[in-house]
């Protein structure tokens, strides 16, 4: 199936890097991404007591793209307010990082959060008083954090920063790394601290990560009560609708490739699905790399050879897919708990009068008591004291 070239024609004579940047920056609002985005918008407008949003899905599904799309929308929503309040920022984002040890470091994370809320020159007249020694703003509005600083002081400084800058939403990307804690700390320490911080500052926090985030679902009723869950799934080839959407996505990506000749991705849609597992983010990164190779070779088209060279290995795909299936199973279990909850709450059957239930309960208890009194074992003697020793008889 041929498609009209969807990119500006002048790109064909543009430098290599310009063409690469164009394709790298191209974002397609495919159905699952659009649905998640539309679900997010009213929550961000008014979150109520739900100060934490969990945005989860498989790796490479496009969660970061969703964040970027949402951040752009928040700027548009708050533009007039920022014109009036020069000390406010529309949003802030930070990535939760795992150290070389493979563990999450809370102190390092707090520093990254403060830097994410940094004060550029435009804010020089709106400096923040962090209220602790060792953290301050210099004359150019840049934040300075002394080397020897306590974690509690960093937490306090972050709270003051959020209260002053008042971002509409504070995003933590790769938030599943928060769970990689050192021994001696409870799994809920960091998430509970984030929940408490969100409540005190009234700043909505968006935690973005893989299905590992669902580990927090069963930990702490307070965290669950004040949270909203948004699932960004992959396209599942088991369903006809998802196959059709996937082919449509490939068709759009194909039309945006700035090469002299249009590649034929549709003929290899199943191979593109196989090595990206139905995750649009993995597919897009793969096509970016294949395009870079083709342009570096001054090729007029991306060939199957370019795709094969840049594809994930079968082993990589199987490892990723194993984690995806486990995560999808957990997500289905959580969504499927609705009916179980209804039954436990008494919504599964016809209601009855409370007086009738009390009477039936009383009758049941009386019958149980009478049954215990009558209950005997056949042939069992009544308890009595038997004589002991050798019995003698007089003649």
Protein backbone atom coordinates (compact mmCIF):
# COMPACT_ATOMS: atom_id res chain seq x y z
CA UNK A 1 0.00 0.00 0.00
CA UNK A 2 1.51 3.29 -1.08
CA UNK A 3 1.14 6.47 0.93
CA UNK A 4 1.74 10.14 0.24
CA UNK A 5 5.01 11.39 1.69
CA UNK A 6 4.03 13.09 4.93
CA UNK A 7 7.21 15.05 5.64
CA UNK A 8 8.18 18.48 4.17
CA UNK A 9 9.75 17.85 0.69
CA UNK A 10 12.69 20.20 1.43
CA UNK A 11 13.94 17.68 4.00
CA UNK A 12 15.28 15.50 1.16
CA UNK A 13 18.00 18.10 0.49
CA UNK A 14 18.59 19.00 4.15
CA UNK A 15 21.72 17.89 6.07
CA UNK A 16 21.72 14.40 7.57
CA UNK A 17 21.33 15.59 11.17
CA UNK A 18 18.35 17.78 10.29
CA UNK A 19 16.58 14.81 8.75
CA UNK A 20 17.39 12.63 11.73
CA UNK A 21 16.16 15.27 14.18
CA UNK A 22 12.91 15.64 12.28
CA UNK A 23 12.11 11.95 12.47
CA UNK A 24 13.31 11.60 16.04
CA UNK A 25 10.99 14.42 17.14
CA UNK A 26 7.99 13.07 15.27
CA UNK A 27 5.31 11.79 17.66
CA UNK A 28 2.23 9.95 16.55
CA UNK A 29 -0.81 10.23 18.81
CA UNK A 30 -1.80 6.58 18.39
CA UNK A 31 -5.05 5.37 20.05
CA UNK A 32 -3.64 4.03 23.34
CA UNK A 33 -1.47 7.12 23.82
CA UNK A 34 -4.37 9.42 23.00
CA UNK A 35 -6.70 7.54 25.37
CA UNK A 36 -4.21 7.78 28.26
CA UNK A 37 -3.67 11.48 27.53
CA UNK A 38 -7.40 12.23 27.51
CA UNK A 39 -7.75 10.30 30.79
CA UNK A 40 -4.95 12.34 32.36
CA UNK A 41 -6.24 15.80 31.49
CA UNK A 42 -9.32 15.97 33.75
CA UNK A 43 -7.35 14.43 36.63
CA UNK A 44 -4.65 17.08 36.29
CA UNK A 45 -7.29 19.83 36.11
CA UNK A 46 -8.88 18.64 39.35
CA UNK A 47 -7.29 15.82 41.32
CA UNK A 48 -9.14 16.27 44.63
CA UNK A 49 -7.50 14.17 47.35
CA UNK A 50 -5.79 11.95 44.78
CA UNK A 51 -2.40 13.63 44.82
CA UNK A 52 -0.51 10.75 43.15
CA UNK A 53 -1.00 9.36 39.64
CA UNK A 54 0.57 6.02 38.76
CA UNK A 55 1.19 5.84 35.01
CA UNK A 56 2.36 2.33 34.21
CA UNK A 57 2.90 0.00 31.28
CA UNK A 58 5.58 -2.11 29.59
CA UNK A 59 9.03 -0.76 28.82
CA UNK A 60 9.19 1.13 25.53
CA UNK A 61 5.43 1.62 25.24
CA UNK A 62 5.62 5.43 25.08
CA UNK A 63 5.18 6.53 28.71
CA UNK A 64 7.84 9.23 28.41
CA UNK A 65 6.16 10.51 25.23
CA UNK A 66 2.94 10.71 27.22
CA UNK A 67 4.74 12.78 29.85
CA UNK A 68 6.15 15.17 27.25
CA UNK A 69 2.76 15.54 25.61
CA UNK A 70 1.17 16.25 28.99
CA UNK A 71 3.84 18.79 29.95
CA UNK A 72 3.23 20.70 26.72
CA UNK A 73 -0.49 20.73 27.45
CA UNK A 74 0.07 21.95 31.03
CA UNK A 75 2.09 24.92 29.75
CA UNK A 76 -0.78 25.86 27.45
CA UNK A 77 -3.28 25.52 30.30
CA UNK A 78 -1.27 27.67 32.75
CA UNK A 79 0.16 30.23 30.35
CA UNK A 80 -2.04 33.10 31.56
CA UNK A 81 -1.38 32.30 35.22
CA UNK A 82 2.39 32.27 34.64
CA UNK A 83 2.18 35.66 32.94
CA UNK A 84 0.77 37.03 36.20
CA UNK A 85 2.78 34.96 38.67
CA UNK A 86 6.40 35.15 37.50
CA UNK A 87 7.64 32.93 40.32
CA UNK A 88 5.60 29.91 39.27
CA UNK A 89 6.57 27.07 36.93
CA UNK A 90 4.00 24.91 35.10
CA UNK A 91 5.61 21.54 35.83
CA UNK A 92 8.84 19.84 36.85
CA UNK A 93 10.26 16.46 35.92
CA UNK A 94 12.96 14.23 37.33
CA UNK A 95 14.13 10.71 36.61
CA UNK A 96 14.52 8.20 39.44
CA UNK A 97 18.05 6.86 39.03
CA UNK A 98 19.54 3.58 40.19
CA UNK A 99 23.15 3.91 41.37
CA UNK A 100 26.05 1.71 40.24
CA UNK A 101 25.31 -0.50 43.23
CA UNK A 102 21.94 -1.29 41.66
CA UNK A 103 20.12 0.50 44.49
CA UNK A 104 18.07 3.68 44.68
CA UNK A 105 19.63 6.47 46.74
CA UNK A 106 17.00 8.70 48.37
CA UNK A 107 19.47 11.49 49.19
CA UNK A 108 20.69 11.67 45.61
CA UNK A 109 17.07 11.69 44.39
CA UNK A 110 16.19 14.66 46.62
CA UNK A 111 19.10 16.61 45.14
CA UNK A 112 17.92 15.81 41.62
CA UNK A 113 14.44 17.01 42.56
CA UNK A 114 15.83 20.33 43.81
CA UNK A 115 17.84 20.80 40.62
CA UNK A 116 14.69 20.05 38.59
CA UNK A 117 13.07 22.99 40.41
CA UNK A 118 16.14 25.19 39.84
CA UNK A 119 15.91 28.95 39.59
CA UNK A 120 17.11 30.35 36.27
CA UNK A 121 17.97 33.99 35.82
CA UNK A 122 14.33 34.82 35.14
CA UNK A 123 13.59 33.92 38.78
CA UNK A 124 16.37 36.00 40.31
CA UNK A 125 13.77 38.28 41.90
CA UNK A 126 11.77 35.30 43.18
CA UNK A 127 14.40 33.42 45.15
CA UNK A 128 13.41 30.67 47.55
CA UNK A 129 14.39 30.66 51.20
CA UNK A 130 15.00 26.94 51.71
CA UNK A 131 15.18 27.34 55.48
CA UNK A 132 18.28 25.15 55.97
CA UNK A 133 21.98 25.81 56.02
CA UNK A 134 23.94 24.48 53.07
CA UNK A 135 21.23 25.07 50.43
CA UNK A 136 20.80 28.49 48.86
CA UNK A 137 20.58 30.40 45.57
CA UNK A 138 23.53 32.35 44.22
CA UNK A 139 23.31 35.77 42.57
CA UNK A 140 22.43 34.22 39.21
CA UNK A 141 19.54 32.25 40.68
CA UNK A 142 21.33 28.89 40.55
CA UNK A 143 20.82 26.50 43.43
CA UNK A 144 23.86 25.58 45.52
CA UNK A 145 23.84 22.38 47.60
CA UNK A 146 26.74 21.81 49.96
CA UNK A 147 28.35 18.38 49.94
CA UNK A 148 27.66 17.44 53.56
CA UNK A 149 23.93 17.85 53.91
CA UNK A 150 21.43 15.69 55.80
CA UNK A 151 18.65 13.85 54.01
CA UNK A 152 16.08 15.45 56.31
CA UNK A 153 17.37 18.93 55.36
CA UNK A 154 17.11 18.06 51.68
CA UNK A 155 13.53 16.92 52.22
CA UNK A 156 12.64 20.16 53.98
CA UNK A 157 14.26 22.21 51.20
CA UNK A 158 12.32 20.28 48.55
CA UNK A 159 9.07 20.98 50.39
CA UNK A 160 9.81 24.73 50.46
CA UNK A 161 10.78 24.67 46.80
CA UNK A 162 7.52 22.97 45.76
CA UNK A 163 5.46 25.40 47.86
CA UNK A 164 7.15 28.42 46.26
CA UNK A 165 7.38 27.23 42.66
CA UNK A 166 3.95 25.53 42.80
CA UNK A 167 4.30 23.34 39.70
CA UNK A 168 0.94 22.01 38.62
CA UNK A 169 2.44 18.52 38.35
CA UNK A 170 5.75 17.03 39.45
CA UNK A 171 6.66 14.00 37.33
CA UNK A 172 9.02 11.21 38.42
CA UNK A 173 9.98 9.13 35.39
CA UNK A 174 11.34 5.59 35.74
CA UNK A 175 9.61 5.61 39.14
CA UNK A 176 9.87 1.82 39.49
CA UNK A 177 13.49 2.47 40.49
CA UNK A 178 12.12 3.86 43.78
CA UNK A 179 11.55 0.24 44.81
CA UNK A 180 15.24 -0.71 44.53
CA UNK A 181 15.90 0.24 48.13
CA UNK A 182 18.77 -0.76 50.37
CA UNK A 183 18.26 -3.31 53.14
CA UNK A 184 17.13 -1.76 56.38
CA UNK A 185 14.54 0.47 54.71
CA UNK A 186 10.91 -0.47 54.25
CA UNK A 187 9.58 -0.77 50.72
CA UNK A 188 7.01 1.92 51.47
CA UNK A 189 9.48 4.49 52.88
CA UNK A 190 10.03 6.48 49.69
CA UNK A 191 6.49 6.18 48.22
CA UNK A 192 4.95 7.16 51.57
CA UNK A 193 7.33 10.12 51.77
CA UNK A 194 6.22 11.21 48.29
CA UNK A 195 2.56 10.88 49.28
CA UNK A 196 3.14 12.96 52.40
CA UNK A 197 5.07 15.58 50.41
CA UNK A 198 2.29 15.79 47.82
CA UNK A 199 -0.30 16.34 50.56
CA UNK A 200 1.69 19.00 52.39
CA UNK A 201 2.57 20.97 49.25
CA UNK A 202 -0.71 20.25 47.39
CA UNK A 203 1.35 19.46 44.29
CA UNK A 204 0.14 16.59 42.14
CA UNK A 205 2.85 13.93 41.66
CA UNK A 206 2.95 11.69 38.60
CA UNK A 207 4.90 8.44 39.04
CA UNK A 208 5.74 6.93 35.66
CA UNK A 209 7.18 3.44 35.37
CA UNK A 210 6.85 -0.19 34.37
CA UNK A 211 4.45 -2.75 35.82
CA UNK A 212 6.76 -2.99 38.85
CA UNK A 213 4.94 0.08 40.17
CA UNK A 214 1.94 -2.16 40.84
CA UNK A 215 3.94 -3.62 43.74
CA UNK A 216 2.78 -0.57 45.68
CA UNK A 217 -0.89 -1.35 45.06
CA UNK A 218 -1.14 -3.78 47.99
CA UNK A 219 1.07 -1.78 50.35
CA UNK A 220 -0.74 0.72 52.52
CA UNK A 221 -4.40 1.66 52.21
CA UNK A 222 -3.55 5.37 52.51
CA UNK A 223 -1.35 5.27 49.42
CA UNK A 224 -4.00 3.40 47.42
CA UNK A 225 -6.81 5.72 48.54
CA UNK A 226 -4.98 8.83 47.41
CA UNK A 227 -3.79 7.42 44.08
CA UNK A 228 -5.06 7.14 40.51
CA UNK A 229 -3.87 4.40 38.16
CA UNK A 230 -3.50 4.90 34.39
CA UNK A 231 -2.50 1.95 32.23
CA UNK A 232 -0.69 2.53 28.92
CA UNK A 233 -0.68 -0.94 27.30
CA UNK A 234 1.06 -2.40 24.26
CA UNK A 235 -0.79 -3.49 21.14
CA UNK A 236 -1.71 -7.16 21.46
CA UNK A 237 -1.60 -9.19 18.24
CA UNK A 238 -4.13 -11.62 19.69
CA UNK A 239 -6.82 -9.04 18.90
CA UNK A 240 -7.90 -8.07 15.39
CA UNK A 241 -8.41 -4.42 16.37
CA UNK A 242 -4.87 -4.15 17.73
CA UNK A 243 -3.41 -5.69 14.57
CA UNK A 244 -5.24 -3.16 12.43
CA UNK A 245 -4.10 -0.25 14.60
CA UNK A 246 -0.53 -1.55 14.54
CA UNK A 247 -0.52 -1.63 10.74
CA UNK A 248 -1.91 1.92 10.72
CA UNK A 249 0.92 3.04 13.02
CA UNK A 250 3.50 1.47 10.72
CA UNK A 251 1.84 3.16 7.73
CA UNK A 252 2.21 6.58 9.42
CA UNK A 253 5.83 5.99 10.44
CA UNK A 254 6.57 4.84 6.91
CA UNK A 255 5.19 8.05 5.42
CA UNK A 256 7.35 10.21 7.72
CA UNK A 257 10.69 8.61 6.76
CA UNK A 258 12.70 11.39 4.99
CA UNK A 259 14.43 9.19 2.42
CA UNK A 260 14.37 9.56 -1.37
CA UNK A 261 12.35 6.38 -1.79
CA UNK A 262 9.50 5.34 0.46
CA UNK A 263 10.27 2.17 2.45
CA UNK A 264 7.77 -0.68 2.55
CA UNK A 265 7.32 -1.36 6.24
CA UNK A 266 3.81 -2.75 5.83
CA UNK A 267 5.06 -5.83 4.03
CA UNK A 268 7.10 -6.64 7.14
CA UNK A 269 4.58 -5.53 9.76
CA UNK A 270 4.71 -8.88 11.58
CA UNK A 271 8.51 -8.74 11.83
CA UNK A 272 8.29 -5.16 13.14
CA UNK A 273 5.76 -6.37 15.69
CA UNK A 274 7.85 -9.40 16.66
CA UNK A 275 10.94 -7.39 17.55
CA UNK A 276 9.12 -4.51 19.23
CA UNK A 277 6.52 -6.65 21.05
CA UNK A 278 3.73 -4.26 20.10
CA UNK A 279 5.39 -1.35 21.95
CA UNK A 280 5.37 1.85 19.89
CA UNK A 281 8.33 3.33 21.75
CA UNK A 282 10.55 0.34 20.96
CA UNK A 283 9.43 0.46 17.32
CA UNK A 284 10.12 4.19 16.99
CA UNK A 285 13.61 3.90 18.48
CA UNK A 286 14.34 0.97 16.16
CA UNK A 287 13.26 2.94 13.08
CA UNK A 288 15.31 5.95 14.22
CA UNK A 289 18.44 3.78 14.33
CA UNK A 290 17.71 2.13 10.98
CA UNK A 291 17.23 5.57 9.40
CA UNK A 292 20.56 6.76 10.83
CA UNK A 293 22.32 3.79 9.25
CA UNK A 294 20.62 4.32 5.89
CA UNK A 295 21.45 8.03 5.76
CA UNK A 296 25.05 7.39 6.86
CA UNK A 297 25.40 5.00 3.89
CA UNK A 298 23.73 7.58 1.62
CA UNK A 299 21.10 4.98 0.80
CA UNK A 300 17.90 6.09 -0.89
CA UNK A 301 15.72 3.80 1.19
CA UNK A 302 15.62 1.85 4.46
CA UNK A 303 15.93 -1.82 3.57
CA UNK A 304 15.13 -5.00 5.49
CA UNK A 305 18.87 -5.34 6.05
CA UNK A 306 18.93 -2.00 7.89
CA UNK A 307 16.03 -3.16 10.05
CA UNK A 308 17.59 -6.54 10.85
CA UNK A 309 20.88 -4.93 11.80
CA UNK A 310 19.20 -2.71 14.40
CA UNK A 311 16.56 -5.13 15.74
CA UNK A 312 16.49 -6.43 19.29
CA UNK A 313 17.74 -10.01 19.55
CA UNK A 314 15.34 -12.89 20.16
CA UNK A 315 16.83 -13.29 23.64
CA UNK A 316 16.23 -9.63 24.48
CA UNK A 317 12.65 -9.85 23.21
CA UNK A 318 11.91 -12.98 25.24
CA UNK A 319 13.25 -11.39 28.45
CA UNK A 320 11.22 -8.23 27.93
CA UNK A 321 8.12 -10.19 26.96
CA UNK A 322 8.33 -12.33 30.10
CA UNK A 323 8.23 -9.20 32.27
CA UNK A 324 5.40 -7.77 30.16
CA UNK A 325 3.22 -10.88 30.54
CA UNK A 326 3.73 -10.93 34.32
CA UNK A 327 2.85 -7.24 34.51
CA UNK A 328 -0.22 -7.61 32.30
CA UNK A 329 -1.42 -10.49 34.47
CA UNK A 330 -1.10 -8.34 37.59
CA UNK A 331 -2.92 -5.43 35.89
CA UNK A 332 -5.78 -7.76 34.89
CA UNK A 333 -5.99 -9.08 38.46
CA UNK A 334 -6.30 -5.54 39.82
CA UNK A 335 -8.95 -4.60 37.27
CA UNK A 336 -10.73 -7.90 37.89
CA UNK A 337 -10.99 -7.22 41.62
CA UNK A 338 -14.00 -5.00 40.94
CA UNK A 339 -16.50 -7.89 41.01
CA UNK A 340 -14.83 -9.37 44.09
CA UNK A 341 -15.11 -6.01 45.80
CA UNK A 342 -18.79 -5.73 44.90
CA UNK A 343 -19.53 -9.12 46.45
CA UNK A 344 -17.55 -8.32 49.61
CA UNK A 345 -19.45 -5.04 49.95
CA UNK A 346 -22.79 -6.81 49.66
CA UNK A 347 -23.64 -5.51 46.19
CA UNK A 348 -23.64 -8.95 44.58
CA UNK A 349 -27.15 -10.03 45.66
CA UNK A 350 -30.61 -8.82 46.62
CA UNK A 351 -30.64 -6.71 49.82
CA UNK A 352 -32.63 -7.87 52.89
CA UNK A 353 -33.92 -6.18 56.05
CA UNK A 354 -31.42 -5.94 58.90
CA UNK A 355 -34.04 -7.26 61.38
CA UNK A 356 -34.46 -10.44 59.33
CA UNK A 357 -30.68 -11.07 59.30
CA UNK A 358 -30.48 -10.57 63.09
CA UNK A 359 -33.37 -13.01 63.68
CA UNK A 360 -31.83 -15.65 61.40
CA UNK A 361 -28.49 -15.25 63.15
CA UNK A 362 -30.11 -15.70 66.57
CA UNK A 363 -31.95 -18.85 65.44
CA UNK A 364 -28.77 -20.26 63.99
CA UNK A 365 -26.91 -19.69 67.26
CA UNK A 366 -29.70 -21.37 69.28
CA UNK A 367 -29.75 -24.40 66.98
CA UNK A 368 -26.00 -24.70 67.22
CA UNK A 369 -26.14 -24.60 71.02
CA UNK A 370 -28.83 -27.32 71.20
CA UNK A 371 -26.94 -29.52 68.77
CA UNK A 372 -23.81 -29.37 70.93
CA UNK A 373 -25.81 -30.48 73.99
CA UNK A 374 -27.36 -33.47 72.19
CA UNK A 375 -24.21 -34.51 70.42
CA UNK A 376 -22.82 -37.83 71.78
CA UNK A 377 -20.64 -40.56 70.46
CA UNK A 378 -22.37 -43.94 70.21
CA UNK A 379 -21.06 -46.44 72.83
CA UNK A 380 -19.12 -43.80 74.76
CA UNK A 381 -19.39 -44.13 78.58
CA UNK A 382 -20.07 -41.19 80.79
CA UNK A 383 -17.01 -39.95 82.59
CA UNK A 384 -16.61 -41.65 86.06
CA UNK A 385 -13.88 -42.75 88.43
CA UNK A 386 -12.88 -46.40 87.85
CA UNK A 387 -11.31 -48.49 90.60
CA UNK A 388 -7.63 -49.26 90.32
CA UNK A 389 -5.47 -52.15 91.53
CA UNK A 390 -6.45 -55.83 92.06
CA UNK A 391 -9.96 -56.44 93.25
CA UNK A 392 -10.33 -59.20 95.99
CA UNK A 393 -13.46 -61.16 96.96
CA UNK A 394 -14.21 -62.68 100.38
CA UNK A 395 -15.25 -66.30 100.47
